[in-house]
Amino acid sequence: MSSMDDLWNSIVSEHPDESGEFILQKFTEQMEKPENAALRREAYQLLAEEFYFEPEEEEEGDEG
């Protein structure tokens, strides 16, 4: 597979009448296969970018 979108779309086209839960399960099964390691790395990178928050710097000032 060339991308996660391609993988997702291929599953949807193969199972057009199935529920979203079924499609997600099939997608997860495919992502776990060794030959899809590059897609897993891509997914982890996207998740890291989406959910990484820069720590806020505390402002220094008079606290007393």
PDB file of N, CA and C in Angstrom:
ATOM      1  N   MET A   1       0.849  -1.184   0.000  1.00  0.00           N
ATOM      2  CA  MET A   1       0.000   0.000   0.000  1.00  0.00           C
ATOM      3  C   MET A   1       0.891   1.243   0.000  1.00  0.00           C
ATOM      4  N   SER A   2       0.419   2.258  -0.667  1.00  0.00           N
ATOM      5  CA  SER A   2       1.244   3.446  -0.752  1.00  0.00           C
ATOM      6  C   SER A   2       0.948   4.457   0.346  1.00  0.00           C
ATOM      7  N   SER A   3      -0.263   4.410   0.900  1.00  0.00           N
ATOM      8  CA  SER A   3      -0.573   5.339   1.973  1.00  0.00           C
ATOM      9  C   SER A   3      -1.709   4.789   2.826  1.00  0.00           C
ATOM     10  N   MET A   4      -1.874   5.410   3.971  1.00  0.00           N
ATOM     11  CA  MET A   4      -2.982   5.008   4.844  1.00  0.00           C
ATOM     12  C   MET A   4      -4.320   5.285   4.165  1.00  0.00           C
ATOM     13  N   ASP A   5      -4.399   6.389   3.423  1.00  0.00           N
ATOM     14  CA  ASP A   5      -5.643   6.699   2.708  1.00  0.00           C
ATOM     15  C   ASP A   5      -5.966   5.618   1.685  1.00  0.00           C
ATOM     16  N   ASP A   6      -4.942   5.164   0.964  1.00  0.00           N
ATOM     17  CA  ASP A   6      -5.158   4.100  -0.020  1.00  0.00           C
ATOM     18  C   ASP A   6      -5.647   2.828   0.658  1.00  0.00           C
ATOM     19  N   LEU A   7      -5.036   2.491   1.779  1.00  0.00           N
ATOM     20  CA  LEU A   7      -5.437   1.302   2.521  1.00  0.00           C
ATOM     21  C   LEU A   7      -6.897   1.432   2.972  1.00  0.00           C
ATOM     22  N   TRP A   8      -7.218   2.563   3.580  1.00  0.00           N
ATOM     23  CA  TRP A   8      -8.586   2.801   4.062  1.00  0.00           C
ATOM     24  C   TRP A   8      -9.585   2.703   2.909  1.00  0.00           C
ATOM     25  N   ASN A   9      -9.284   3.396   1.812  1.00  0.00           N
ATOM     26  CA  ASN A   9     -10.196   3.420   0.674  1.00  0.00           C
ATOM     27  C   ASN A   9     -10.365   2.042   0.049  1.00  0.00           C
ATOM     28  N   SER A  10      -9.310   1.249   0.028  1.00  0.00           N
ATOM     29  CA  SER A  10      -9.431  -0.097  -0.532  1.00  0.00           C
ATOM     30  C   SER A  10     -10.341  -0.970   0.331  1.00  0.00           C
ATOM     31  N   ILE A  11     -10.250  -0.820   1.635  1.00  0.00           N
ATOM     32  CA  ILE A  11     -11.118  -1.590   2.538  1.00  0.00           C
ATOM     33  C   ILE A  11     -12.566  -1.159   2.367  1.00  0.00           C
ATOM     34  N   VAL A  12     -12.794   0.146   2.295  1.00  0.00           N
ATOM     35  CA  VAL A  12     -14.155   0.654   2.110  1.00  0.00           C
ATOM     36  C   VAL A  12     -14.730   0.156   0.788  1.00  0.00           C
ATOM     37  N   SER A  13     -13.913   0.161  -0.262  1.00  0.00           N
ATOM     38  CA  SER A  13     -14.438  -0.276  -1.564  1.00  0.00           C
ATOM     39  C   SER A  13     -14.698  -1.780  -1.590  1.00  0.00           C
ATOM     40  N   GLU A  14     -13.923  -2.544  -0.826  1.00  0.00           N
ATOM     41  CA  GLU A  14     -14.142  -3.988  -0.756  1.00  0.00           C
ATOM     42  C   GLU A  14     -15.347  -4.349   0.101  1.00  0.00           C
ATOM     43  N   HIS A  15     -15.701  -3.488   1.040  1.00  0.00           N
ATOM     44  CA  HIS A  15     -16.794  -3.759   1.988  1.00  0.00           C
ATOM     45  C   HIS A  15     -17.720  -2.545   2.077  1.00  0.00           C
ATOM     46  N   PRO A  16     -18.362  -2.167   0.970  1.00  0.00           N
ATOM     47  CA  PRO A  16     -19.135  -0.915   0.951  1.00  0.00           C
ATOM     48  C   PRO A  16     -20.354  -0.896   1.873  1.00  0.00           C
ATOM     49  N   ASP A  17     -20.857  -2.049   2.238  1.00  0.00           N
ATOM     50  CA  ASP A  17     -22.072  -2.083   3.055  1.00  0.00           C
ATOM     51  C   ASP A  17     -21.803  -2.327   4.537  1.00  0.00           C
ATOM     52  N   GLU A  18     -20.537  -2.348   4.915  1.00  0.00           N
ATOM     53  CA  GLU A  18     -20.193  -2.631   6.305  1.00  0.00           C
ATOM     54  C   GLU A  18     -20.184  -1.351   7.136  1.00  0.00           C
ATOM     55  N   SER A  19     -20.249  -1.547   8.447  1.00  0.00           N
ATOM     56  CA  SER A  19     -20.252  -0.416   9.383  1.00  0.00           C
ATOM     57  C   SER A  19     -18.861   0.200   9.501  1.00  0.00           C
ATOM     58  N   GLY A  20     -18.823   1.397  10.032  1.00  0.00           N
ATOM     59  CA  GLY A  20     -17.549   2.058  10.289  1.00  0.00           C
ATOM     60  C   GLY A  20     -16.685   1.267  11.252  1.00  0.00           C
ATOM     61  N   GLU A  21     -17.323   0.627  12.231  1.00  0.00           N
ATOM     62  CA  GLU A  21     -16.585  -0.192  13.195  1.00  0.00           C
ATOM     63  C   GLU A  21     -15.902  -1.361  12.490  1.00  0.00           C
ATOM     64  N   PHE A  22     -16.606  -1.996  11.562  1.00  0.00           N
ATOM     65  CA  PHE A  22     -16.029  -3.105  10.799  1.00  0.00           C
ATOM     66  C   PHE A  22     -14.838  -2.614   9.977  1.00  0.00           C
ATOM     67  N   ILE A  23     -15.003  -1.472   9.294  1.00  0.00           N
ATOM     68  CA  ILE A  23     -13.934  -0.914   8.466  1.00  0.00           C
ATOM     69  C   ILE A  23     -12.721  -0.589   9.329  1.00  0.00           C
ATOM     70  N   LEU A  24     -12.946   0.012  10.478  1.00  0.00           N
ATOM     71  CA  LEU A  24     -11.856   0.343  11.389  1.00  0.00           C
ATOM     72  C   LEU A  24     -11.127  -0.911  11.855  1.00  0.00           C
ATOM     73  N   GLN A  25     -11.869  -1.970  12.164  1.00  0.00           N
ATOM     74  CA  GLN A  25     -11.257  -3.229  12.587  1.00  0.00           C
ATOM     75  C   GLN A  25     -10.380  -3.794  11.469  1.00  0.00           C
ATOM     76  N   LYS A  26     -10.880  -3.802  10.246  1.00  0.00           N
ATOM     77  CA  LYS A  26     -10.101  -4.307   9.104  1.00  0.00           C
ATOM     78  C   LYS A  26      -8.857  -3.452   8.881  1.00  0.00           C
ATOM     79  N   PHE A  27      -9.018  -2.135   8.995  1.00  0.00           N
ATOM     80  CA  PHE A  27      -7.890  -1.221   8.841  1.00  0.00           C
ATOM     81  C   PHE A  27      -6.825  -1.519   9.889  1.00  0.00           C
ATOM     82  N   THR A  28      -7.260  -1.706  11.130  1.00  0.00           N
ATOM     83  CA  THR A  28      -6.332  -2.009  12.220  1.00  0.00           C
ATOM     84  C   THR A  28      -5.600  -3.324  11.959  1.00  0.00           C
ATOM     85  N   GLU A  29      -6.328  -4.328  11.516  1.00  0.00           N
ATOM     86  CA  GLU A  29      -5.709  -5.625  11.197  1.00  0.00           C
ATOM     87  C   GLU A  29      -4.645  -5.464  10.118  1.00  0.00           C
ATOM     88  N   GLN A  30      -4.945  -4.679   9.087  1.00  0.00           N
ATOM     89  CA  GLN A  30      -3.983  -4.469   8.005  1.00  0.00           C
ATOM     90  C   GLN A  30      -2.755  -3.692   8.490  1.00  0.00           C
ATOM     91  N   MET A  31      -2.982  -2.701   9.332  1.00  0.00           N
ATOM     92  CA  MET A  31      -1.870  -1.891   9.841  1.00  0.00           C
ATOM     93  C   MET A  31      -0.922  -2.708  10.703  1.00  0.00           C
ATOM     94  N   GLU A  32      -1.425  -3.766  11.333  1.00  0.00           N
ATOM     95  CA  GLU A  32      -0.596  -4.600  12.205  1.00  0.00           C
ATOM     96  C   GLU A  32       0.293  -5.573  11.433  1.00  0.00           C
ATOM     97  N   LYS A  33       0.059  -5.745  10.151  1.00  0.00           N
ATOM     98  CA  LYS A  33       0.848  -6.683   9.351  1.00  0.00           C
ATOM     99  C   LYS A  33       2.264  -6.148   9.181  1.00  0.00           C
ATOM    100  N   PRO A  34       3.249  -7.056   9.225  1.00  0.00           N
ATOM    101  CA  PRO A  34       4.646  -6.627   9.097  1.00  0.00           C
ATOM    102  C   PRO A  34       4.931  -5.824   7.825  1.00  0.00           C
ATOM    103  N   GLU A  35       4.275  -6.165   6.733  1.00  0.00           N
ATOM    104  CA  GLU A  35       4.550  -5.456   5.482  1.00  0.00           C
ATOM    105  C   GLU A  35       4.048  -4.012   5.493  1.00  0.00           C
ATOM    106  N   ASN A  36       3.292  -3.635   6.510  1.00  0.00           N
ATOM    107  CA  ASN A  36       2.789  -2.270   6.624  1.00  0.00           C
ATOM    108  C   ASN A  36       3.519  -1.466   7.701  1.00  0.00           C
ATOM    109  N   ALA A  37       4.730  -1.858   8.001  1.00  0.00           N
ATOM    110  CA  ALA A  37       5.508  -1.165   9.028  1.00  0.00           C
ATOM    111  C   ALA A  37       5.716   0.310   8.685  1.00  0.00           C
ATOM    112  N   ALA A  38       5.914   0.615   7.417  1.00  0.00           N
ATOM    113  CA  ALA A  38       6.114   2.014   7.014  1.00  0.00           C
ATOM    114  C   ALA A  38       4.848   2.832   7.269  1.00  0.00           C
ATOM    115  N   LEU A  39       3.696   2.228   7.038  1.00  0.00           N
ATOM    116  CA  LEU A  39       2.433   2.933   7.318  1.00  0.00           C
ATOM    117  C   LEU A  39       2.250   3.153   8.813  1.00  0.00           C
ATOM    118  N   ARG A  40       2.663   2.190   9.615  1.00  0.00           N
ATOM    119  CA  ARG A  40       2.575   2.359  11.077  1.00  0.00           C
ATOM    120  C   ARG A  40       3.453   3.511  11.531  1.00  0.00           C
ATOM    121  N   ARG A  41       4.670   3.583  10.998  1.00  0.00           N
ATOM    122  CA  ARG A  41       5.563   4.694  11.355  1.00  0.00           C
ATOM    123  C   ARG A  41       4.933   6.030  10.952  1.00  0.00           C
ATOM    124  N   GLU A  42       4.311   6.067   9.778  1.00  0.00           N
ATOM    125  CA  GLU A  42       3.637   7.283   9.329  1.00  0.00           C
ATOM    126  C   GLU A  42       2.505   7.650  10.284  1.00  0.00           C
ATOM    127  N   ALA A  43       1.741   6.651  10.701  1.00  0.00           N
ATOM    128  CA  ALA A  43       0.629   6.893  11.627  1.00  0.00           C
ATOM    129  C   ALA A  43       1.143   7.416  12.961  1.00  0.00           C
ATOM    130  N   TYR A  44       2.202   6.798  13.484  1.00  0.00           N
ATOM    131  CA  TYR A  44       2.762   7.252  14.754  1.00  0.00           C
ATOM    132  C   TYR A  44       3.270   8.682  14.637  1.00  0.00           C
ATOM    133  N   GLN A  45       3.889   9.006  13.504  1.00  0.00           N
ATOM    134  CA  GLN A  45       4.401  10.364  13.308  1.00  0.00           C
ATOM    135  C   GLN A  45       3.246  11.369  13.276  1.00  0.00           C
ATOM    136  N   LEU A  46       2.169  11.024  12.568  1.00  0.00           N
ATOM    137  CA  LEU A  46       1.008  11.917  12.516  1.00  0.00           C
ATOM    138  C   LEU A  46       0.393  12.107  13.895  1.00  0.00           C
ATOM    139  N   LEU A  47       0.300  11.026  14.654  1.00  0.00           N
ATOM    140  CA  LEU A  47      -0.242  11.135  16.007  1.00  0.00           C
ATOM    141  C   LEU A  47       0.650  12.005  16.887  1.00  0.00           C
ATOM    142  N   ALA A  48       1.952  11.802  16.766  1.00  0.00           N
ATOM    143  CA  ALA A  48       2.882  12.593  17.568  1.00  0.00           C
ATOM    144  C   ALA A  48       2.756  14.078  17.234  1.00  0.00           C
ATOM    145  N   GLU A  49       2.636  14.379  15.944  1.00  0.00           N
ATOM    146  CA  GLU A  49       2.502  15.778  15.549  1.00  0.00           C
ATOM    147  C   GLU A  49       1.175  16.365  16.025  1.00  0.00           C
ATOM    148  N   GLU A  50       0.136  15.561  15.990  1.00  0.00           N
ATOM    149  CA  GLU A  50      -1.199  16.038  16.351  1.00  0.00           C
ATOM    150  C   GLU A  50      -1.336  16.271  17.858  1.00  0.00           C
ATOM    151  N   PHE A  51      -0.722  15.412  18.647  1.00  0.00           N
ATOM    152  CA  PHE A  51      -0.971  15.441  20.082  1.00  0.00           C
ATOM    153  C   PHE A  51       0.205  15.928  20.911  1.00  0.00           C
ATOM    154  N   TYR A  52       1.271  16.380  20.266  1.00  0.00           N
ATOM    155  CA  TYR A  52       2.401  16.908  21.011  1.00  0.00           C
ATOM    156  C   TYR A  52       2.144  18.375  21.321  1.00  0.00           C
ATOM    157  N   PHE A  53       2.265  18.703  22.566  1.00  0.00           N
ATOM    158  CA  PHE A  53       2.075  20.079  22.988  1.00  0.00           C
ATOM    159  C   PHE A  53       3.384  20.587  23.565  1.00  0.00           C
ATOM    160  N   GLU A  54       3.763  21.751  23.114  1.00  0.00           N
ATOM    161  CA  GLU A  54       4.948  22.392  23.675  1.00  0.00           C
ATOM    162  C   GLU A  54       4.633  22.781  25.116  1.00  0.00           C
ATOM    163  N   PRO A  55       5.520  22.474  26.037  1.00  0.00           N
ATOM    164  CA  PRO A  55       5.264  22.902  27.418  1.00  0.00           C
ATOM    165  C   PRO A  55       5.272  24.431  27.494  1.00  0.00           C
ATOM    166  N   GLU A  56       4.316  24.955  28.208  1.00  0.00           N
ATOM    167  CA  GLU A  56       4.258  26.398  28.362  1.00  0.00           C
ATOM    168  C   GLU A  56       5.324  26.839  29.346  1.00  0.00           C
ATOM    169  N   GLU A  57       6.009  27.887  28.970  1.00  0.00           N
ATOM    170  CA  GLU A  57       7.030  28.408  29.868  1.00  0.00           C
ATOM    171  C   GLU A  57       6.357  29.263  30.923  1.00  0.00           C
ATOM    172  N   GLU A  58       6.772  29.039  32.153  1.00  0.00           N
ATOM    173  CA  GLU A  58       6.208  29.826  33.234  1.00  0.00           C
ATOM    174  C   GLU A  58       6.808  31.220  33.189  1.00  0.00           C
ATOM    175  N   GLU A  59       5.948  32.196  33.348  1.00  0.00           N
ATOM    176  CA  GLU A  59       6.424  33.557  33.352  1.00  0.00           C
ATOM    177  C   GLU A  59       7.065  33.860  34.703  1.00  0.00           C
ATOM    178  N   GLU A  60       8.232  34.492  34.608  1.00  0.00           N
ATOM    179  CA  GLU A  60       8.891  34.866  35.835  1.00  0.00           C
ATOM    180  C   GLU A  60       8.369  36.234  36.266  1.00  0.00           C
ATOM    181  N   GLY A  61       8.119  36.363  37.518  1.00  0.00           N
ATOM    182  CA  GLY A  61       7.629  37.652  38.002  1.00  0.00           C
ATOM    183  C   GLY A  61       7.694  37.691  39.511  1.00  0.00           C
ATOM    184  N   ASP A  62       7.215  38.756  40.034  1.00  0.00           N
ATOM    185  CA  ASP A  62       7.184  38.881  41.492  1.00  0.00           C
ATOM    186  C   ASP A  62       6.037  38.059  42.033  1.00  0.00           C
ATOM    187  N   GLU A  63       6.363  37.108  42.900  1.00  0.00           N
ATOM    188  CA  GLU A  63       5.321  36.293  43.468  1.00  0.00           C
ATOM    189  C   GLU A  63       5.173  36.592  44.949  1.00  0.00           C
ATOM    190  N   GLY A  64       5.722  37.580  45.415  1.00  0.00           N
ATOM    191  CA  GLY A  64       5.683  37.713  46.835  1.00  0.00           C
ATOM    192  C   GLY A  64       5.480  39.035  47.335  1.00  0.00           C
TER     193      GLY A  64
END
